[in-house]
N, C-alpha and C. Protein backbone atom coordinates (compact mmCIF):
# COMPACT_ATOMS: atom_id res chain seq x y z
N MET A 1 96.32 104.10 123.95
CA MET A 1 94.95 103.08 123.97
C MET A 1 95.38 102.96 122.12
N SER A 2 95.05 101.40 121.74
CA SER A 2 95.18 101.06 120.78
C SER A 2 93.21 101.71 120.00
N LEU A 3 93.34 102.01 118.79
CA LEU A 3 91.97 102.71 118.66
C LEU A 3 91.20 101.19 117.97
N LEU A 4 91.56 100.09 117.39
CA LEU A 4 91.42 99.56 116.96
C LEU A 4 92.03 97.72 117.84
N ARG A 5 91.17 97.06 118.15
CA ARG A 5 92.17 95.44 118.89
C ARG A 5 90.84 94.57 118.82
N CYS A 6 91.63 93.40 118.42
CA CYS A 6 91.06 92.22 117.85
C CYS A 6 91.57 91.10 118.82
N VAL A 7 91.14 90.83 119.59
CA VAL A 7 91.69 89.55 120.32
C VAL A 7 91.08 88.06 120.13
N GLY A 8 91.65 87.38 119.74
CA GLY A 8 90.97 85.86 119.68
C GLY A 8 90.06 85.76 118.49
N LEU A 9 89.74 86.47 117.35
CA LEU A 9 88.69 86.41 116.81
C LEU A 9 88.26 85.80 115.91
N GLU A 10 87.66 85.01 115.67
CA GLU A 10 86.66 84.26 115.15
C GLU A 10 85.53 84.35 114.30
N LYS A 11 84.87 83.62 113.37
CA LYS A 11 84.29 83.25 112.60
C LYS A 11 83.68 82.81 111.64
N THR A 12 82.56 81.73 111.71
CA THR A 12 82.38 80.59 111.39
C THR A 12 80.85 80.43 110.83
N TYR A 13 80.78 80.22 109.53
CA TYR A 13 79.08 80.04 108.71
C TYR A 13 78.56 78.64 108.97
N ASP A 14 77.49 78.28 109.20
CA ASP A 14 76.85 77.54 109.52
C ASP A 14 76.35 77.28 108.11
N LEU A 15 76.80 76.17 107.43
CA LEU A 15 76.55 76.02 105.81
C LEU A 15 75.88 74.26 105.73
N GLY A 16 74.42 74.49 106.74
CA GLY A 16 74.12 73.13 106.69
C GLY A 16 74.24 72.12 107.55
N ASN A 17 74.77 70.81 107.09
CA ASN A 17 76.03 69.82 107.37
C ASN A 17 77.35 69.99 108.09
N GLN A 18 77.86 71.15 107.71
CA GLN A 18 79.37 71.22 108.02
C GLN A 18 79.37 73.28 108.23
N THR A 19 80.72 73.14 108.54
CA THR A 19 80.65 74.62 108.94
C THR A 19 82.04 75.15 108.94
N LEU A 20 81.78 76.07 108.16
CA LEU A 20 83.06 77.18 107.62
C LEU A 20 83.24 78.03 108.39
N GLN A 21 84.83 77.69 108.60
CA GLN A 21 85.23 78.85 109.74
C GLN A 21 86.56 79.56 108.98
N VAL A 22 86.01 81.01 108.64
CA VAL A 22 86.69 81.78 107.81
C VAL A 22 87.85 82.53 108.60
N LEU A 23 87.51 82.91 109.63
CA LEU A 23 88.50 83.76 110.89
C LEU A 23 88.87 82.62 112.16
N ARG A 24 90.25 82.57 112.14
CA ARG A 24 90.52 81.93 113.51
C ARG A 24 91.54 82.26 114.41
N LYS A 25 90.92 82.50 115.28
CA LYS A 25 91.87 83.35 116.41
C LYS A 25 92.61 84.24 116.16
N LEU A 26 92.15 85.06 115.27
CA LEU A 26 93.05 86.22 115.02
C LEU A 26 92.89 87.49 115.58
N ASP A 27 94.43 88.08 116.44
CA ASP A 27 94.84 89.04 117.29
C ASP A 27 95.33 90.26 116.38
N LEU A 28 94.85 91.45 116.32
CA LEU A 28 95.31 92.65 115.18
C LEU A 28 94.88 93.67 116.11
N SER A 29 95.88 94.58 116.46
CA SER A 29 95.74 95.79 116.82
C SER A 29 96.03 96.95 115.99
N ILE A 30 95.63 98.38 115.74
CA ILE A 30 95.55 99.40 115.27
C ILE A 30 95.77 100.82 116.12
N ASP A 31 97.10 101.15 116.08
CA ASP A 31 97.01 102.44 116.66
C ASP A 31 96.15 103.97 115.89
N PRO A 32 96.14 105.30 116.15
CA PRO A 32 95.24 105.95 115.95
C PRO A 32 96.33 106.52 115.02
N GLY A 33 96.15 107.28 113.64
CA GLY A 33 97.33 107.55 113.05
C GLY A 33 97.53 106.67 112.30
N GLU A 34 97.10 105.14 111.88
CA GLU A 34 98.46 104.46 111.14
C GLU A 34 97.60 104.24 110.25
N TYR A 35 98.45 104.19 108.95
CA TYR A 35 97.95 103.42 107.53
C TYR A 35 98.22 102.10 107.43
N VAL A 36 97.44 101.56 107.18
CA VAL A 36 96.79 100.12 107.03
C VAL A 36 96.41 99.31 105.57
N ALA A 37 97.32 98.55 105.24
CA ALA A 37 96.49 97.86 104.04
C ALA A 37 96.59 96.20 104.84
N ILE A 38 95.52 95.69 104.42
CA ILE A 38 94.86 94.05 104.35
C ILE A 38 94.78 94.22 102.66
N MET A 39 96.01 92.53 103.08
CA MET A 39 95.64 91.79 101.73
C MET A 39 95.75 90.73 101.93
N GLY A 40 95.19 89.72 100.97
CA GLY A 40 95.06 88.60 100.81
C GLY A 40 94.45 87.83 99.58
N PRO A 41 94.79 86.44 99.31
CA PRO A 41 94.24 85.68 98.35
C PRO A 41 92.99 85.42 98.67
N SER A 42 91.83 85.28 97.45
CA SER A 42 90.37 84.74 97.47
C SER A 42 90.37 84.00 98.59
N GLY A 43 89.18 84.50 99.41
CA GLY A 43 88.99 82.83 100.87
C GLY A 43 90.12 83.16 101.97
N SER A 44 90.85 84.22 101.97
CA SER A 44 91.93 83.83 102.95
C SER A 44 90.97 84.69 104.27
N GLY A 45 89.80 85.87 104.17
CA GLY A 45 89.13 85.90 105.52
C GLY A 45 88.85 87.73 105.43
N LYS A 46 90.21 88.16 104.04
CA LYS A 46 89.94 89.54 104.48
C LYS A 46 88.83 90.58 104.13
N SER A 47 87.66 89.61 103.56
CA SER A 47 86.82 90.51 103.23
C SER A 47 85.63 90.37 104.55
N THR A 48 85.94 89.20 105.49
CA THR A 48 85.21 88.74 106.24
C THR A 48 85.78 89.91 107.76
N LEU A 49 86.99 89.72 107.91
CA LEU A 49 87.83 91.04 108.74
C LEU A 49 87.35 92.51 108.44
N MET A 50 87.30 92.49 107.25
CA MET A 50 86.81 93.95 106.44
C MET A 50 85.23 94.54 107.37
N ASN A 51 84.29 93.58 107.26
CA ASN A 51 82.96 93.67 107.34
C ASN A 51 82.48 93.44 109.26
N ILE A 52 83.65 93.18 109.72
CA ILE A 52 83.83 93.07 111.18
C ILE A 52 84.45 94.31 111.98
N LEU A 53 85.68 94.77 111.31
CA LEU A 53 86.50 95.90 111.46
C LEU A 53 85.20 97.16 110.71
N GLY A 54 84.49 96.77 110.51
CA GLY A 54 83.53 98.07 109.74
C GLY A 54 81.94 98.09 110.65
N CYS A 55 82.16 97.22 111.62
CA CYS A 55 80.87 96.61 112.27
C CYS A 55 79.30 96.47 111.45
N LEU A 56 80.10 96.09 110.21
CA LEU A 56 78.43 95.47 109.65
C LEU A 56 78.77 93.80 110.33
N ASP A 57 79.49 93.00 110.57
CA ASP A 57 78.91 91.73 110.78
C ASP A 57 79.42 91.85 112.46
N THR A 58 79.67 91.16 113.24
CA THR A 58 79.90 90.97 114.31
C THR A 58 80.39 89.22 114.94
N PRO A 59 81.56 89.01 114.98
CA PRO A 59 82.64 87.67 115.37
C PRO A 59 81.59 86.55 115.68
N THR A 60 81.91 85.77 115.59
CA THR A 60 81.09 84.18 116.32
C THR A 60 81.94 84.38 117.68
N ALA A 61 83.40 84.42 117.86
CA ALA A 61 83.78 84.44 119.31
C ALA A 61 85.34 85.42 119.26
N GLY A 62 85.68 85.68 120.47
CA GLY A 62 86.22 86.82 120.43
C GLY A 62 85.89 87.89 121.06
N ARG A 63 87.17 89.25 121.09
CA ARG A 63 86.45 90.09 121.57
C ARG A 63 87.07 91.13 119.96
N TYR A 64 86.16 92.36 119.84
CA TYR A 64 86.16 93.47 118.55
C TYR A 64 86.36 94.60 119.68
N GLU A 65 87.37 95.27 119.73
CA GLU A 65 86.80 96.95 120.43
C GLU A 65 86.88 97.51 119.76
N LEU A 66 86.40 98.81 119.15
CA LEU A 66 86.30 100.01 118.47
C LEU A 66 86.55 101.13 119.20
N ASP A 67 87.44 102.10 119.10
CA ASP A 67 87.98 103.46 120.19
C ASP A 67 87.11 102.95 121.82
N GLY A 68 87.55 101.55 121.98
CA GLY A 68 87.20 101.48 123.62
C GLY A 68 85.66 100.92 123.77
N GLU A 69 85.47 100.66 122.20
CA GLU A 69 83.74 100.03 122.68
C GLU A 69 83.91 98.90 122.09
N GLN A 70 83.47 98.10 122.82
CA GLN A 70 83.05 96.60 122.79
C GLN A 70 82.22 96.22 121.65
N VAL A 71 82.10 95.80 120.56
CA VAL A 71 81.14 95.42 119.72
C VAL A 71 80.41 94.41 119.59
N ALA A 72 81.46 93.12 119.91
CA ALA A 72 81.26 91.79 120.15
C ALA A 72 79.93 91.84 120.36
N GLY A 73 78.69 91.66 120.06
CA GLY A 73 77.64 91.12 120.62
C GLY A 73 76.78 92.22 121.08
N MET A 74 76.89 93.50 119.80
CA MET A 74 75.98 94.63 119.71
C MET A 74 75.33 93.94 118.75
N ASN A 75 73.56 95.15 119.02
CA ASN A 75 72.97 94.45 117.83
C ASN A 75 72.63 95.29 116.58
N GLU A 76 71.67 95.07 115.48
CA GLU A 76 71.84 96.03 114.46
C GLU A 76 72.20 97.51 114.95
N ASP A 77 70.97 98.02 115.89
CA ASP A 77 70.63 99.33 116.00
C ASP A 77 72.03 99.91 116.49
N GLN A 78 72.81 98.98 117.37
CA GLN A 78 73.80 99.58 118.22
C GLN A 78 74.78 99.87 117.09
N LEU A 79 75.18 98.58 116.22
CA LEU A 79 76.70 98.75 115.48
C LEU A 79 75.82 99.87 114.53
N ALA A 80 74.59 100.04 113.25
CA ALA A 80 74.43 101.22 112.55
C ALA A 80 74.74 102.53 113.05
N ASP A 81 74.29 103.08 114.84
CA ASP A 81 74.75 103.85 115.47
C ASP A 81 76.63 104.26 115.24
N ILE A 82 77.11 102.73 115.81
CA ILE A 82 78.73 103.20 115.75
C ILE A 82 79.01 103.63 114.47
N ARG A 83 78.89 102.65 113.48
CA ARG A 83 79.02 102.92 111.98
C ARG A 83 79.19 104.38 111.45
N ASN A 84 77.48 104.62 111.97
CA ASN A 84 77.51 106.59 112.11
C ASN A 84 78.43 107.33 112.48
N ARG A 85 78.71 107.35 113.60
CA ARG A 85 79.99 107.72 114.65
C ARG A 85 81.11 107.52 114.54
N LYS A 86 82.05 106.46 114.03
CA LYS A 86 82.88 105.91 113.96
C LYS A 86 84.05 105.64 113.00
N ILE A 87 83.13 105.66 112.11
CA ILE A 87 83.19 104.58 110.62
C ILE A 87 83.24 105.68 109.10
N GLY A 88 84.40 105.61 108.38
CA GLY A 88 83.75 106.13 107.04
C GLY A 88 84.10 105.31 106.34
N PHE A 89 83.24 104.51 104.97
CA PHE A 89 83.47 103.98 104.57
C PHE A 89 83.45 104.61 102.84
N VAL A 90 84.64 103.63 102.39
CA VAL A 90 84.78 104.45 100.99
C VAL A 90 85.04 102.78 99.96
N PHE A 91 84.23 102.30 99.27
CA PHE A 91 83.50 100.75 98.32
C PHE A 91 83.89 100.92 96.84
N GLN A 92 84.57 99.66 96.74
CA GLN A 92 85.31 100.21 95.11
C GLN A 92 83.51 100.51 94.15
N THR A 93 82.34 100.34 94.08
CA THR A 93 81.40 100.57 93.40
C THR A 93 80.83 102.13 93.97
N PHE A 94 81.63 102.86 94.34
CA PHE A 94 81.54 104.40 95.11
C PHE A 94 80.28 104.17 95.85
N ASN A 95 79.15 103.11 95.64
CA ASN A 95 77.54 103.14 96.30
C ASN A 95 77.22 104.84 96.85
N LEU A 96 76.50 105.55 95.42
CA LEU A 96 75.98 106.79 95.28
C LEU A 96 74.67 106.64 95.34
N LEU A 97 74.16 107.30 95.82
CA LEU A 97 73.15 107.50 94.89
C LEU A 97 72.85 108.11 93.74
N PRO A 98 72.22 107.50 93.06
CA PRO A 98 72.30 107.83 91.46
C PRO A 98 71.87 109.45 91.42
N ARG A 99 70.45 109.27 91.92
CA ARG A 99 69.76 110.71 91.46
C ARG A 99 70.12 112.03 92.19
N GLN A 100 70.53 111.37 93.38
CA GLN A 100 71.23 112.75 94.23
C GLN A 100 72.49 113.73 93.74
N SER A 101 72.52 114.56 93.59
CA SER A 101 73.69 115.40 93.55
C SER A 101 75.10 114.92 94.55
N ALA A 102 75.89 115.34 94.15
CA ALA A 102 77.17 115.00 95.19
C ALA A 102 77.07 115.55 96.21
N LEU A 103 76.42 117.03 96.31
CA LEU A 103 76.09 117.54 97.83
C LEU A 103 74.98 116.60 98.53
N ALA A 104 74.11 116.43 98.17
CA ALA A 104 73.22 115.36 98.47
C ALA A 104 73.52 113.79 98.93
N ASN A 105 74.71 113.48 98.13
CA ASN A 105 75.52 112.34 98.63
C ASN A 105 76.13 112.24 99.78
N VAL A 106 77.26 113.62 99.26
CA VAL A 106 77.76 113.71 100.77
C VAL A 106 77.05 113.77 102.28
N ALA A 107 75.89 114.93 101.88
CA ALA A 107 75.19 114.86 103.33
C ALA A 107 74.62 114.26 103.97
N LEU A 108 74.57 112.85 103.21
CA LEU A 108 73.56 112.03 103.48
C LEU A 108 74.29 111.17 105.32
N PRO A 109 75.09 111.27 105.33
CA PRO A 109 75.24 110.90 106.83
C PRO A 109 75.00 111.92 108.29
N LEU A 110 75.43 113.18 107.92
CA LEU A 110 74.33 114.18 108.55
C LEU A 110 73.25 113.87 108.71
N VAL A 111 72.45 113.44 107.68
CA VAL A 111 70.53 113.06 108.19
C VAL A 111 70.74 112.54 108.97
N TYR A 112 71.22 111.44 108.71
CA TYR A 112 71.10 110.27 110.18
C TYR A 112 71.48 110.80 111.51
N SER A 113 72.34 112.12 111.31
CA SER A 113 72.78 111.84 112.73
C SER A 113 72.09 113.48 113.26
N GLY A 114 71.31 114.13 112.12
CA GLY A 114 70.17 115.01 112.99
C GLY A 114 70.61 116.28 112.71
N VAL A 115 71.48 116.43 111.69
CA VAL A 115 72.03 117.93 111.62
C VAL A 115 71.07 118.56 111.07
N PRO A 116 70.94 120.01 111.50
CA PRO A 116 69.81 120.50 110.28
C PRO A 116 70.40 120.78 109.24
N ALA A 117 69.18 120.91 108.02
CA ALA A 117 69.56 120.97 106.45
C ALA A 117 70.65 122.41 106.02
N ALA A 118 70.67 123.18 106.78
CA ALA A 118 71.73 124.43 106.39
C ALA A 118 73.35 124.13 106.92
N GLU A 119 72.93 123.90 108.11
CA GLU A 119 74.78 122.76 108.44
C GLU A 119 75.04 121.61 107.20
N ARG A 120 74.08 121.39 107.44
CA ARG A 120 74.76 120.14 106.46
C ARG A 120 74.77 120.46 105.55
N ARG A 121 74.58 121.35 104.38
CA ARG A 121 74.85 122.22 103.05
C ARG A 121 76.03 122.30 103.21
N LYS A 122 76.97 123.39 104.31
CA LYS A 122 77.89 124.07 104.27
C LYS A 122 78.89 122.90 104.77
N LEU A 123 78.52 122.11 105.80
CA LEU A 123 79.56 120.77 106.22
C LEU A 123 80.00 119.93 104.31
N ALA A 124 79.26 119.65 103.99
CA ALA A 124 78.92 119.13 102.85
C ALA A 124 80.26 119.38 101.64
N LEU A 125 79.66 120.68 101.65
CA LEU A 125 80.56 121.68 100.48
C LEU A 125 81.86 121.62 101.00
N ASP A 126 81.95 122.22 101.99
CA ASP A 126 83.26 122.23 102.85
C ASP A 126 83.78 120.84 102.59
N ALA A 127 83.36 120.28 102.80
CA ALA A 127 84.11 118.16 102.30
C ALA A 127 84.10 118.23 100.88
N LEU A 128 83.38 118.41 100.10
CA LEU A 128 83.97 118.47 98.51
C LEU A 128 85.12 119.39 98.49
N LYS A 129 84.96 120.54 98.99
CA LYS A 129 86.06 121.46 98.36
C LYS A 129 87.38 120.79 98.52
N ALA A 130 87.64 120.01 100.20
CA ALA A 130 88.14 119.02 100.69
C ALA A 130 88.96 118.51 99.33
N VAL A 131 88.60 117.90 98.92
CA VAL A 131 88.55 116.35 97.94
C VAL A 131 88.74 117.35 96.14
N GLY A 132 88.67 119.00 96.32
CA GLY A 132 88.23 119.04 94.69
C GLY A 132 87.57 119.24 93.99
N LEU A 133 86.36 119.33 94.97
CA LEU A 133 85.25 119.30 93.90
C LEU A 133 84.34 120.06 94.31
N GLY A 134 84.58 121.63 94.95
CA GLY A 134 83.83 122.54 95.39
C GLY A 134 82.65 123.06 94.33
N GLU A 135 83.15 122.87 92.73
CA GLU A 135 82.59 122.98 91.65
C GLU A 135 81.66 121.88 91.15
N ARG A 136 81.64 121.07 91.66
CA ARG A 136 80.85 119.76 91.17
C ARG A 136 80.04 119.85 92.29
N ALA A 137 79.69 120.54 92.78
CA ALA A 137 78.83 120.15 94.10
C ALA A 137 77.15 119.49 93.79
N ASP A 138 76.67 120.11 92.37
CA ASP A 138 75.14 120.01 92.17
C ASP A 138 74.87 119.18 91.10
N HIS A 139 76.09 118.48 90.60
CA HIS A 139 76.15 117.15 89.35
C HIS A 139 75.86 116.32 90.17
N ARG A 140 75.28 115.25 89.43
CA ARG A 140 74.87 113.89 89.87
C ARG A 140 75.71 112.70 89.77
N PRO A 141 75.95 111.54 89.90
CA PRO A 141 76.95 110.76 89.82
C PRO A 141 77.66 110.77 88.26
N ASN A 142 75.99 109.81 87.30
CA ASN A 142 76.09 109.85 85.85
C ASN A 142 76.92 111.02 85.40
N GLU A 143 77.40 112.24 85.71
CA GLU A 143 77.77 113.56 85.43
C GLU A 143 79.22 113.76 85.89
N LEU A 144 79.90 112.84 86.50
CA LEU A 144 81.34 112.75 87.24
C LEU A 144 81.65 111.39 86.88
N SER A 145 83.07 111.93 86.55
CA SER A 145 84.07 110.62 85.91
C SER A 145 84.27 109.71 87.21
N GLY A 146 84.71 108.59 86.70
CA GLY A 146 85.07 107.56 87.71
C GLY A 146 85.89 108.01 89.08
N GLY A 147 86.85 109.05 88.59
CA GLY A 147 87.51 109.10 89.88
C GLY A 147 86.96 109.97 90.25
N GLU A 148 85.88 111.38 90.44
CA GLU A 148 85.34 112.16 90.89
C GLU A 148 84.76 111.40 91.31
N ARG A 149 83.67 110.59 91.22
CA ARG A 149 82.42 110.07 92.10
C ARG A 149 83.46 109.24 93.38
N GLN A 150 84.64 108.76 93.15
CA GLN A 150 85.50 108.37 94.36
C GLN A 150 85.60 109.30 95.46
N ARG A 151 85.83 110.34 94.90
CA ARG A 151 86.48 111.57 95.81
C ARG A 151 84.83 112.00 96.21
N VAL A 152 83.76 112.05 95.72
CA VAL A 152 82.34 112.44 96.43
C VAL A 152 82.12 111.06 97.61
N ALA A 153 82.93 109.89 97.21
CA ALA A 153 82.70 109.00 98.51
C ALA A 153 83.48 108.95 99.31
N ILE A 154 84.58 109.62 99.12
CA ILE A 154 85.75 110.23 100.30
C ILE A 154 84.98 111.13 101.22
N ALA A 155 84.94 112.25 99.98
CA ALA A 155 84.13 113.46 101.11
C ALA A 155 82.91 113.04 101.79
N ARG A 156 82.04 111.60 101.81
CA ARG A 156 80.98 111.46 101.99
C ARG A 156 81.67 110.73 103.49
N ALA A 157 82.45 109.76 103.36
CA ALA A 157 83.66 109.26 104.79
C ALA A 157 84.19 109.71 105.27
N LEU A 158 84.26 111.31 104.91
CA LEU A 158 85.10 112.17 105.89
C LEU A 158 84.28 112.73 107.01
N ILE A 159 82.77 112.77 106.34
CA ILE A 159 81.96 114.07 107.03
C ILE A 159 81.29 113.97 108.36
N ASN A 160 81.55 113.01 108.83
CA ASN A 160 81.54 112.80 110.36
C ASN A 160 82.78 112.71 111.00
N ARG A 161 83.88 113.42 110.62
CA ARG A 161 85.19 112.90 110.95
C ARG A 161 85.23 111.66 112.12
N PRO A 162 85.44 110.57 111.26
CA PRO A 162 85.56 109.51 111.86
C PRO A 162 86.95 108.99 112.00
N SER A 163 86.50 107.45 113.25
CA SER A 163 87.80 107.74 114.00
C SER A 163 88.78 106.58 112.91
N ILE A 164 87.88 106.43 111.72
CA ILE A 164 88.90 105.04 110.73
C ILE A 164 87.45 105.46 109.54
N ILE A 165 88.83 105.57 108.70
CA ILE A 165 88.34 105.68 106.75
C ILE A 165 88.78 103.93 106.89
N LEU A 166 87.90 103.16 106.39
CA LEU A 166 87.71 102.26 106.20
C LEU A 166 87.36 102.21 103.90
N ALA A 167 88.44 101.74 103.57
CA ALA A 167 88.53 101.69 102.09
C ALA A 167 88.60 99.98 101.71
N ASP A 168 87.62 99.73 100.59
CA ASP A 168 87.39 98.78 100.15
C ASP A 168 88.06 98.50 98.74
N GLU A 169 88.73 98.00 98.20
CA GLU A 169 89.38 98.16 96.77
C GLU A 169 88.94 99.27 96.30
N PRO A 170 89.69 100.95 96.88
CA PRO A 170 88.73 101.59 96.26
C PRO A 170 89.43 102.09 95.08
N THR A 171 90.57 101.45 94.51
CA THR A 171 90.58 101.67 93.02
C THR A 171 89.94 101.00 92.30
N GLY A 172 89.30 99.87 92.41
CA GLY A 172 88.97 98.68 91.36
C GLY A 172 88.08 99.15 90.43
N ASN A 173 87.52 100.03 90.45
CA ASN A 173 87.20 100.32 89.03
C ASN A 173 87.83 101.55 88.41
N LEU A 174 88.91 101.81 88.45
CA LEU A 174 89.39 102.93 88.18
C LEU A 174 90.59 102.38 87.45
N ASP A 175 90.76 103.33 86.44
CA ASP A 175 92.30 103.18 85.38
C ASP A 175 93.16 103.86 86.22
N THR A 176 94.83 103.63 85.77
CA THR A 176 95.85 103.42 86.55
C THR A 176 96.02 104.63 87.06
N ARG A 177 95.79 106.09 86.15
CA ARG A 177 96.27 107.27 86.43
C ARG A 177 95.20 107.81 86.99
N THR A 178 94.11 107.41 87.01
CA THR A 178 93.21 108.09 88.48
C THR A 178 93.47 106.80 89.75
N SER A 179 93.68 106.45 89.77
CA SER A 179 93.92 105.17 90.99
C SER A 179 95.39 106.24 91.64
N VAL A 180 96.02 106.94 91.02
CA VAL A 180 97.34 106.93 91.29
C VAL A 180 96.75 108.58 91.80
N GLU A 181 95.70 109.13 91.56
CA GLU A 181 95.24 110.83 91.89
C GLU A 181 94.43 110.33 93.34
N ILE A 182 93.72 108.94 93.34
CA ILE A 182 93.08 108.86 94.34
C ILE A 182 93.92 108.18 95.46
N MET A 183 95.11 107.70 95.33
CA MET A 183 96.11 107.09 96.17
C MET A 183 96.70 107.99 96.88
N LYS A 184 96.85 109.11 96.32
CA LYS A 184 97.61 110.48 96.59
C LYS A 184 96.36 111.24 97.74
N LEU A 185 95.17 110.88 97.28
CA LEU A 185 94.35 111.53 98.20
C LEU A 185 94.31 111.17 99.70
N PHE A 186 94.27 109.41 99.46
CA PHE A 186 94.50 108.71 100.51
C PHE A 186 95.83 109.50 101.60
N GLY A 187 97.06 109.41 100.85
CA GLY A 187 97.90 109.80 101.42
C GLY A 187 97.76 111.42 101.92
N ASP A 188 97.10 112.48 101.58
CA ASP A 188 96.99 113.69 102.16
C ASP A 188 95.84 113.41 103.40
N LEU A 189 94.96 112.64 103.18
CA LEU A 189 94.68 112.17 104.53
C LEU A 189 95.00 111.58 106.03
N TYR A 190 96.06 110.82 105.34
CA TYR A 190 97.02 110.25 106.23
C TYR A 190 98.01 111.08 106.99
N GLY A 191 98.38 111.94 105.94
CA GLY A 191 98.86 113.20 106.57
C GLY A 191 98.32 114.24 107.61
N ALA A 192 97.13 114.22 107.52
CA ALA A 192 96.03 114.92 108.74
C ALA A 192 95.56 114.01 109.43
N ASN A 193 96.95 113.11 109.38
CA ASN A 193 96.39 112.16 110.96
C ASN A 193 95.03 111.34 111.18
N ASN A 194 94.55 110.97 109.69
CA ASN A 194 93.29 110.24 109.50
C ASN A 194 93.85 108.63 109.84
N THR A 195 92.89 107.86 110.52
CA THR A 195 93.40 106.65 110.29
C THR A 195 92.38 105.45 109.31
N ILE A 196 93.62 104.61 108.23
CA ILE A 196 92.85 104.46 107.26
C ILE A 196 93.04 103.16 107.23
N ILE A 197 92.73 102.13 106.87
CA ILE A 197 92.24 100.56 106.77
C ILE A 197 92.02 100.55 105.25
N LEU A 198 93.13 100.03 104.56
CA LEU A 198 92.99 99.63 102.84
C LEU A 198 92.47 98.01 102.82
N VAL A 199 91.65 97.86 102.37
CA VAL A 199 91.51 96.29 101.77
C VAL A 199 91.59 96.39 100.62
N THR A 200 92.70 95.38 99.91
CA THR A 200 93.08 95.84 98.54
C THR A 200 94.04 94.05 98.32
N HIS A 201 93.67 93.31 96.88
CA HIS A 201 94.34 92.62 96.57
C HIS A 201 95.88 92.79 95.70
N GLU A 202 95.83 94.59 95.40
CA GLU A 202 96.86 94.80 94.45
C GLU A 202 97.85 95.45 95.36
N PRO A 203 99.09 94.47 95.00
CA PRO A 203 100.63 94.77 95.57
C PRO A 203 100.99 96.46 95.43
N ASP A 204 100.64 96.89 94.20
CA ASP A 204 101.01 98.31 94.02
C ASP A 204 100.09 99.15 94.59
N ILE A 205 98.72 99.14 95.08
CA ILE A 205 97.72 99.91 96.11
C ILE A 205 98.60 99.52 97.27
N ALA A 206 98.61 98.45 98.01
CA ALA A 206 99.38 98.13 99.14
C ALA A 206 100.41 99.11 99.48
N GLU A 207 101.28 99.02 98.58
CA GLU A 207 102.50 100.25 98.14
C GLU A 207 102.13 101.05 99.28
N TYR A 208 100.99 101.85 98.89
CA TYR A 208 101.26 103.18 99.53
C TYR A 208 100.60 103.14 100.88
N ALA A 209 100.53 102.41 101.77
CA ALA A 209 100.07 102.22 103.24
C ALA A 209 102.03 101.81 104.13
N HIS A 210 101.49 101.97 105.38
CA HIS A 210 102.84 102.16 105.99
C HIS A 210 102.90 100.78 106.59
N ARG A 211 101.95 99.65 106.83
CA ARG A 211 101.91 98.73 107.39
C ARG A 211 100.95 97.89 106.52
N VAL A 212 101.45 96.45 106.44
CA VAL A 212 100.75 95.67 105.43
C VAL A 212 100.54 94.37 106.26
N VAL A 213 99.59 93.98 106.55
CA VAL A 213 98.98 93.23 107.04
C VAL A 213 98.46 92.10 106.05
N ARG A 214 98.80 90.59 105.80
CA ARG A 214 98.47 89.74 104.73
C ARG A 214 97.92 88.59 105.43
N LEU A 215 96.80 88.07 105.33
CA LEU A 215 95.89 87.02 105.92
C LEU A 215 95.96 85.76 104.72
N ARG A 216 95.73 84.61 105.30
CA ARG A 216 95.67 83.47 104.50
C ARG A 216 94.97 82.37 105.36
N ASP A 217 94.14 81.93 104.98
CA ASP A 217 93.16 80.46 105.86
C ASP A 217 92.91 81.41 106.96
N GLY A 218 92.57 82.48 107.24
CA GLY A 218 91.81 83.05 108.46
C GLY A 218 92.50 83.78 109.95
N VAL A 219 94.18 83.67 109.43
CA VAL A 219 94.79 83.96 110.48
C VAL A 219 95.69 85.24 109.50
N ILE A 220 96.90 85.80 110.23
CA ILE A 220 97.60 86.66 109.85
C ILE A 220 98.96 85.84 109.94
N GLU A 221 99.14 86.03 108.09
CA GLU A 221 100.29 85.48 107.85
C GLU A 221 101.67 86.10 108.10
N SER A 222 101.57 87.27 107.93
CA SER A 222 102.69 88.72 108.14
C SER A 222 102.23 89.91 108.48
N ASP A 223 102.74 90.75 108.96
CA ASP A 223 102.56 92.23 109.77
C ASP A 223 103.52 92.37 109.38
N SER A 224 104.11 93.00 108.70
CA SER A 224 105.46 94.16 108.34
C SER A 224 105.41 95.75 108.12
N PRO A 225 106.65 96.17 108.03
CA PRO A 225 106.13 97.57 107.49
C PRO A 225 106.04 97.39 106.60
N GLY A 226 105.45 98.49 105.75
CA GLY A 226 104.84 99.08 104.38
C GLY A 226 105.63 99.79 103.52
N MET A 227 105.55 100.04 102.33
CA MET A 227 106.45 100.84 101.81
C MET A 227 106.21 102.90 101.91
N GLY A 228 105.20 103.21 102.34
CA GLY A 228 104.57 104.04 102.26
C GLY A 228 105.01 105.27 101.13
N LYS A 229 104.66 104.49 100.38
CA LYS A 229 104.41 105.47 98.89
C LYS A 229 103.99 106.89 98.82
N ALA A 230 104.86 107.20 98.23
CA ALA A 230 104.10 109.11 98.15
C ALA A 230 102.83 109.37 96.77
């Protein structure tokens, strides 16, 4: 069974005297353990698709099923719940709380899940060690490099053992050397049977994926094997 399945997905926005159609009867399936890059020019619909896949938005029409659950039609509370249980987010801007330590940032999803404080600390420290930052647990974001901040964000994304890791331009604010380090970390996560969906406009970053889906004008222009660059 597909981990993620979109059938006839449509998304329109009412702009007053006109309607903007961003996604047009889009079909997409992703299986457990895949590493997929979603690409497309500005205005292609990739950000809108990412928001729907991440349960940050709902489609206007069509079906979206995540891990067997029908997402279309869920209310805000239901969407928040499925995000916390099923999806780990990694963003270009890291989205870390500036006054909290790396450990507290990583543990944050566990707070919403009701995990006791002592267990939160242990799990968060284990997650930081897994991304090579066990020694930096007590540092705040402004005391970390860009690459270290993104590693904290990845640790936070992994903390609830999500079905999908959804990464939106995860190297957009990083230099080339650090970008390579972060993409190697994603490769390690893929090797550990995590499902990764990477949204990017950079061809050299998409080369790390094992499948590349290209969007144009709200439809899938191509869906082909990726290079799986190590």
